[in-house]
Amino acid sequence: MSTKLSKEDIHQIQERINPYVHHTPVMSSRLINELSGGDLFFKCENFQRMGAFKMRGASNAILSLNEEQKSRGVVAHSSGNFAQAVALSAKMMGVKAYIVMPTNAPKVKKQAVESYGGIITECEPTMTARQSTTDNIAEKTGASPLHPSNQDEVILGNSTIATEFLNEVPDLERIIVPVGGGGMIAGVSLACEALSPLCEVIGAEPAEADDAKRSLERGEIVLNESSSTIADGLRTHLGDRNFPIIKRVVKRIITVEEDEIIAAMKLVWERMKLVIEPSAGVGVAVALREKELVAQGKTGVIICGGNVDLENLPW
């Protein structure tokens, strides 16, 4: 997507999805401010429907379909949050949702998709198998494919995170955004560009999966050869729809180590009493480490989700 959006465009997207998403709270912590030396505000998407920001993009993508397309359903491949978001959004709108999930996807996530009415097809745990299974279902049923991060309608839905954030804290100097597939930071960038162009958008990424940082530095999409980070939601790579936005708006992506991610996640659990997932800990870790950065003005940090395997906590 190469075009900029107007304030009116951004607000129209917000109005469209409002009936289907939660307006999530913004929280702060005196202790974390003291530890970081900054004035931090946390946009808590862990309180979003199905527990993550993905609900915004999924809702907007389905709402963007015409009635004939809706009647044929939607199809998506995902092992986690996007699967749940598509299933729940589709259920709320009376649309069939075909969800392709790898055989090694967590049982609890499959159960959540089923509870939302998603029709699961399992496949081998490879990206090739996931994509081919999705393509087969789309061809057989006529269902519209949805992508978790590299689709304009999904990116636009994600922009509403920043729309709400800036409405509540209009004088943010910067927003720190975890980066995986790039759909969230691209959406946040579009909203900031339209509503608060002086607000800097900063990416936060695990050092073990730093493809977005390297892509921004090289000016072209590069992939990770391995991604052993605990932040499982950030193991994906950028796409051709979101990368042009990221290149245009985002000036820097900061990486953090695994022990920093775990420590930040644990701190938020203990001190703010918020259940956040490892991917959300990445943005918090950047805010805690980059003291010179956050010392100037107000800093927003997006808590992207709170879906955690309670049987496998990292501490």
Protein backbone atom coordinates (compact mmCIF):
# COMPACT_ATOMS: atom_id res chain seq x y z
CA MET A 1 0.00 0.00 0.00
CA SER A 2 1.65 3.23 -1.12
CA THR A 3 -1.08 5.82 -0.53
CA LYS A 4 -1.43 7.85 2.62
CA LEU A 5 -4.75 7.98 4.45
CA SER A 6 -6.67 11.06 5.56
CA LYS A 7 -8.01 11.67 9.05
CA GLU A 8 -11.47 10.95 7.67
CA ASP A 9 -10.33 7.58 6.28
CA ILE A 10 -8.86 6.58 9.64
CA HIS A 11 -11.98 7.56 11.58
CA GLN A 12 -14.27 5.74 9.11
CA ILE A 13 -12.33 2.51 9.66
CA GLN A 14 -12.74 2.97 13.42
CA GLU A 15 -16.49 3.49 13.07
CA ARG A 16 -16.81 0.41 10.85
CA ILE A 17 -15.25 -2.04 13.29
CA ASN A 18 -16.42 -0.46 16.56
CA PRO A 19 -19.40 -2.85 16.98
CA TYR A 20 -17.09 -5.88 16.76
CA VAL A 21 -14.05 -4.93 18.86
CA HIS A 22 -13.34 -3.70 22.37
CA HIS A 23 -12.03 -0.20 22.94
CA THR A 24 -9.09 -1.41 25.01
CA PRO A 25 -7.79 0.50 28.05
CA VAL A 26 -4.61 2.54 28.34
CA MET A 27 -2.72 1.89 31.57
CA SER A 28 0.41 3.15 33.29
CA SER A 29 2.65 2.03 36.15
CA ARG A 30 4.49 4.31 38.58
CA LEU A 31 7.08 1.59 39.25
CA ILE A 32 7.79 0.91 35.57
CA ASN A 33 8.09 4.65 34.96
CA GLU A 34 10.69 4.80 37.74
CA LEU A 35 12.60 1.81 36.33
CA SER A 36 12.61 3.20 32.79
CA GLY A 37 12.99 6.86 33.63
CA GLY A 38 10.15 7.61 31.25
CA ASP A 39 6.46 8.47 31.14
CA LEU A 40 5.01 5.27 29.68
CA PHE A 41 1.48 4.48 28.54
CA PHE A 42 0.44 0.92 27.69
CA LYS A 43 -2.30 0.21 25.11
CA CYS A 44 -3.65 -3.08 26.45
CA GLU A 45 -4.72 -5.24 23.50
CA ASN A 46 -4.52 -8.24 25.84
CA PHE A 47 -8.06 -7.12 26.79
CA GLN A 48 -9.21 -7.28 23.17
CA ARG A 49 -11.80 -9.87 22.13
CA MET A 50 -10.03 -13.27 21.82
CA GLY A 51 -7.09 -11.74 23.67
CA ALA A 52 -5.07 -9.98 20.96
CA PHE A 53 -5.03 -7.10 18.46
CA LYS A 54 -5.66 -9.52 15.57
CA MET A 55 -9.41 -9.07 16.09
CA ARG A 56 -9.19 -5.61 14.54
CA GLY A 57 -7.69 -6.66 11.21
CA ALA A 58 -9.83 -9.79 10.91
CA SER A 59 -13.03 -7.83 11.55
CA ASN A 60 -12.21 -5.13 9.02
CA ALA A 61 -11.22 -7.68 6.38
CA ILE A 62 -14.51 -9.56 6.66
CA LEU A 63 -16.54 -6.34 6.79
CA SER A 64 -14.84 -5.25 3.55
CA LEU A 65 -16.27 -8.22 1.63
CA ASN A 66 -19.46 -7.90 -0.38
CA GLU A 67 -22.53 -9.99 0.45
CA GLU A 68 -21.81 -12.62 -2.21
CA GLN A 69 -18.29 -13.09 -0.88
CA LYS A 70 -19.55 -13.31 2.68
CA SER A 71 -22.02 -16.01 1.67
CA ARG A 72 -19.11 -18.20 0.52
CA GLY A 73 -17.15 -17.73 3.74
CA VAL A 74 -13.52 -16.93 4.49
CA VAL A 75 -10.42 -19.10 4.84
CA ALA A 76 -7.16 -18.45 6.69
CA HIS A 77 -4.18 -20.44 7.86
CA SER A 78 -2.87 -19.78 11.34
CA SER A 79 -1.65 -21.67 14.36
CA GLY A 80 -2.70 -19.05 16.86
CA ASN A 81 -4.21 -15.61 17.35
CA PHE A 82 -5.32 -14.89 13.78
CA ALA A 83 -7.14 -18.23 13.62
CA GLN A 84 -9.13 -17.27 16.70
CA ALA A 85 -9.73 -13.73 15.44
CA VAL A 86 -11.07 -14.87 12.07
CA ALA A 87 -13.29 -17.53 13.65
CA LEU A 88 -14.78 -15.12 16.19
CA SER A 89 -15.22 -12.22 13.74
CA ALA A 90 -16.90 -14.51 11.23
CA LYS A 91 -19.21 -15.94 13.89
CA MET A 92 -20.32 -12.44 14.93
CA MET A 93 -21.10 -11.57 11.30
CA GLY A 94 -22.77 -14.86 10.35
CA VAL A 95 -19.99 -15.90 7.97
CA LYS A 96 -18.44 -19.37 7.63
CA ALA A 97 -14.78 -19.54 8.64
CA TYR A 98 -12.50 -22.28 7.34
CA ILE A 99 -9.32 -22.37 9.42
CA VAL A 100 -6.21 -24.29 8.38
CA MET A 101 -4.08 -25.22 11.40
CA PRO A 102 -0.85 -27.26 11.53
CA THR A 103 -1.00 -30.56 13.38
CA ASN A 104 1.39 -29.22 16.03
CA ALA A 105 -0.74 -26.17 16.89
CA PRO A 106 -1.53 -26.00 20.63
CA LYS A 107 -4.62 -27.95 21.57
CA VAL A 108 -5.97 -25.02 23.56
CA LYS A 109 -5.89 -22.82 20.44
CA LYS A 110 -7.70 -25.42 18.36
CA GLN A 111 -10.35 -25.67 21.05
CA ALA A 112 -10.75 -21.88 21.04
CA VAL A 113 -11.21 -21.83 17.25
CA GLU A 114 -13.80 -24.60 17.48
CA SER A 115 -15.63 -22.77 20.27
CA TYR A 116 -15.98 -19.78 17.93
CA GLY A 117 -17.44 -22.00 15.20
CA GLY A 118 -14.36 -22.22 13.01
CA ILE A 119 -14.16 -25.24 10.67
CA ILE A 120 -10.66 -26.63 11.19
CA THR A 121 -8.64 -28.49 8.59
CA GLU A 122 -5.31 -29.80 9.86
CA CYS A 123 -2.18 -29.97 7.72
CA GLU A 124 1.51 -30.73 8.02
CA PRO A 125 3.41 -28.06 10.00
CA THR A 126 5.12 -26.43 7.04
CA MET A 127 4.33 -23.12 5.36
CA THR A 128 4.01 -24.89 2.00
CA ALA A 129 1.41 -27.31 3.38
CA ARG A 130 -0.49 -24.50 5.11
CA GLN A 131 -0.67 -22.41 1.94
CA SER A 132 -1.59 -25.29 -0.39
CA THR A 133 -4.33 -26.48 1.98
CA THR A 134 -5.71 -22.94 2.17
CA ASP A 135 -5.62 -22.61 -1.63
CA ASN A 136 -7.46 -25.92 -2.03
CA ILE A 137 -10.24 -24.86 0.34
CA ALA A 138 -10.57 -21.49 -1.38
CA GLU A 139 -10.85 -23.17 -4.79
CA LYS A 140 -13.32 -25.77 -3.55
CA THR A 141 -15.61 -23.49 -1.54
CA GLY A 142 -15.09 -20.05 -3.09
CA ALA A 143 -14.12 -18.73 0.35
CA SER A 144 -12.13 -15.49 0.43
CA PRO A 145 -8.55 -15.94 1.71
CA LEU A 146 -7.46 -13.70 4.59
CA HIS A 147 -3.84 -12.99 5.48
CA PRO A 148 -2.86 -12.16 9.08
CA SER A 149 -0.52 -9.28 8.21
CA ASN A 150 0.03 -8.75 4.48
CA GLN A 151 -3.43 -7.65 3.36
CA ASP A 152 -4.60 -4.04 3.02
CA GLU A 153 -7.90 -4.54 4.87
CA VAL A 154 -6.14 -6.25 7.78
CA ILE A 155 -3.54 -3.48 7.99
CA LEU A 156 -6.28 -0.84 7.95
CA GLY A 157 -8.13 -2.59 10.76
CA ASN A 158 -4.94 -2.58 12.82
CA SER A 159 -4.66 1.19 12.39
CA THR A 160 -7.46 1.59 14.95
CA ILE A 161 -5.04 0.65 17.76
CA ALA A 162 -3.25 3.96 17.22
CA THR A 163 -6.47 5.87 16.53
CA GLU A 164 -7.77 4.97 19.98
CA PHE A 165 -4.36 5.47 21.59
CA LEU A 166 -3.89 8.97 20.18
CA ASN A 167 -7.45 9.97 21.06
CA GLU A 168 -6.72 9.11 24.68
CA VAL A 169 -3.09 10.34 24.85
CA PRO A 170 -2.84 12.86 22.00
CA ASP A 171 0.62 14.16 22.89
CA LEU A 172 2.57 10.90 22.56
CA GLU A 173 6.11 11.52 21.31
CA ARG A 174 6.49 7.92 20.12
CA ILE A 175 4.75 4.54 19.99
CA ILE A 176 6.75 1.33 20.40
CA VAL A 177 5.25 -1.52 18.38
CA PRO A 178 6.26 -5.23 18.37
CA VAL A 179 7.06 -6.40 14.84
CA GLY A 180 6.37 -9.86 13.42
CA GLY A 181 4.57 -10.03 10.09
CA GLY A 182 4.40 -6.23 9.93
CA GLY A 183 0.63 -5.81 9.83
CA MET A 184 0.36 -4.06 13.19
CA ILE A 185 3.23 -1.60 12.80
CA ALA A 186 2.05 -0.75 9.27
CA GLY A 187 -1.46 0.02 10.54
CA VAL A 188 -0.14 2.06 13.46
CA SER A 189 2.10 3.94 11.02
CA LEU A 190 -0.83 4.87 8.78
CA ALA A 191 -2.81 6.23 11.73
CA CYS A 192 0.13 8.21 13.12
CA GLU A 193 0.91 9.60 9.67
CA ALA A 194 -2.67 10.90 9.40
CA LEU A 195 -3.43 11.92 12.97
CA SER A 196 -0.09 12.79 14.60
CA PRO A 197 2.75 12.95 12.06
CA LEU A 198 5.26 14.07 14.71
CA CYS A 199 4.65 10.90 16.74
CA GLU A 200 7.53 8.53 15.95
CA VAL A 201 6.70 4.87 15.29
CA ILE A 202 9.45 2.57 16.60
CA GLY A 203 9.59 -1.16 15.96
CA ALA A 204 10.50 -3.65 18.69
CA GLU A 205 11.88 -7.02 17.65
CA PRO A 206 13.64 -10.02 19.20
CA ALA A 207 17.33 -10.21 18.32
CA GLU A 208 16.70 -13.88 17.52
CA ALA A 209 14.22 -12.88 14.78
CA ASP A 210 15.48 -9.53 13.52
CA ASP A 211 14.41 -9.78 9.88
CA ALA A 212 12.38 -6.54 10.01
CA LYS A 213 15.33 -4.53 11.36
CA ARG A 214 17.58 -5.90 8.62
CA SER A 215 14.88 -5.37 5.99
CA LEU A 216 14.50 -1.71 6.97
CA GLU A 217 18.27 -1.19 6.89
CA ARG A 218 18.66 -2.81 3.46
CA GLY A 219 15.51 -1.36 1.92
CA GLU A 220 14.26 -4.79 0.86
CA ILE A 221 12.56 -7.72 2.56
CA VAL A 222 14.96 -10.26 4.03
CA LEU A 223 14.05 -13.42 5.91
CA ASN A 224 15.33 -15.17 9.02
CA GLU A 225 17.22 -18.40 8.54
CA SER A 226 16.11 -19.38 12.04
CA SER A 227 13.89 -17.78 14.66
CA SER A 228 14.26 -19.42 18.05
CA THR A 229 12.73 -16.56 20.02
CA ILE A 230 10.26 -17.15 22.83
CA ALA A 231 8.12 -14.44 21.19
CA ASP A 232 6.38 -16.95 18.93
CA GLY A 233 4.00 -14.35 17.51
CA LEU A 234 6.95 -12.45 16.01
CA ARG A 235 8.58 -15.27 14.07
CA THR A 236 6.91 -14.35 10.76
CA HIS A 237 8.32 -12.00 8.12
CA LEU A 238 7.24 -8.80 6.37
CA GLY A 239 5.19 -8.71 3.17
CA ASP A 240 4.88 -6.63 0.03
CA ARG A 241 1.73 -4.83 1.23
CA ASN A 242 3.03 -3.67 4.62
CA PHE A 243 6.73 -3.11 3.86
CA PRO A 244 6.24 0.04 1.72
CA ILE A 245 4.38 1.67 4.65
CA ILE A 246 7.07 0.62 7.12
CA LYS A 247 9.81 2.00 4.85
CA ARG A 248 7.97 5.31 4.51
CA VAL A 249 7.15 5.93 8.18
CA VAL A 250 9.31 3.81 10.50
CA LYS A 251 12.81 5.18 11.04
CA ARG A 252 14.16 2.49 13.37
CA ILE A 253 13.56 -0.96 14.76
CA ILE A 254 15.23 -1.85 18.07
CA THR A 255 16.06 -5.43 19.05
CA VAL A 256 16.15 -6.99 22.53
CA GLU A 257 17.55 -10.25 23.88
CA GLU A 258 15.56 -13.23 25.15
CA ASP A 259 16.37 -12.61 28.82
CA GLU A 260 15.16 -9.00 28.47
CA ILE A 261 11.87 -10.18 26.95
CA ILE A 262 11.25 -12.66 29.76
CA ALA A 263 12.17 -10.13 32.46
CA ALA A 264 9.84 -7.50 30.96
CA MET A 265 6.98 -9.99 30.67
CA LYS A 266 7.45 -11.10 34.27
CA LEU A 267 7.63 -7.50 35.50
CA VAL A 268 4.29 -6.62 33.91
CA TRP A 269 2.68 -9.79 35.32
CA GLU A 270 3.98 -9.09 38.84
CA ARG A 271 3.66 -5.32 39.08
CA MET A 272 0.77 -4.39 36.77
CA LYS A 273 -1.15 -7.65 37.30
CA LEU A 274 -1.56 -7.95 33.54
CA VAL A 275 -1.29 -11.26 31.68
CA ILE A 276 0.78 -10.50 28.59
CA GLU A 277 2.30 -12.89 26.07
CA PRO A 278 6.02 -12.96 25.21
CA SER A 279 5.50 -10.98 22.00
CA ALA A 280 4.06 -8.12 24.07
CA GLY A 281 7.07 -8.30 26.37
CA VAL A 282 9.31 -7.27 23.47
CA GLY A 283 7.92 -3.73 23.33
CA VAL A 284 8.11 -3.38 27.11
CA ALA A 285 11.73 -4.60 27.04
CA VAL A 286 12.66 -1.90 24.53
CA ALA A 287 11.06 0.80 26.72
CA LEU A 288 12.92 -0.46 29.80
CA ARG A 289 16.32 -0.58 28.10
CA GLU A 290 16.23 2.56 25.94
CA LYS A 291 16.28 5.04 28.82
CA GLU A 292 17.61 7.96 26.78
CA LEU A 293 14.84 7.43 24.24
CA VAL A 294 11.92 7.35 26.70
CA ALA A 295 13.29 10.16 28.88
CA GLN A 296 11.90 12.70 26.41
CA GLY A 297 8.12 13.20 26.49
CA LYS A 298 5.42 10.53 26.60
CA THR A 299 5.97 7.05 25.20
CA GLY A 300 3.24 4.66 24.12
CA VAL A 301 3.84 0.90 24.20
CA ILE A 302 1.45 -1.53 22.53
CA ILE A 303 0.69 -4.65 24.55
CA CYS A 304 -0.24 -6.73 21.51
CA GLY A 305 -1.84 -9.71 23.27
CA GLY A 306 -2.25 -11.91 26.32
CA ASN A 307 -2.70 -15.43 24.97
CA VAL A 308 -0.27 -17.52 26.99
CA ASP A 309 0.26 -21.26 27.42
CA LEU A 310 -0.04 -21.39 31.20
CA GLU A 311 1.52 -24.87 31.21
CA ASN A 312 4.70 -23.53 29.64
CA LEU A 313 5.62 -20.21 31.24
CA PRO A 314 9.22 -19.04 30.65
CA TRP A 315 10.08 -18.67 34.34
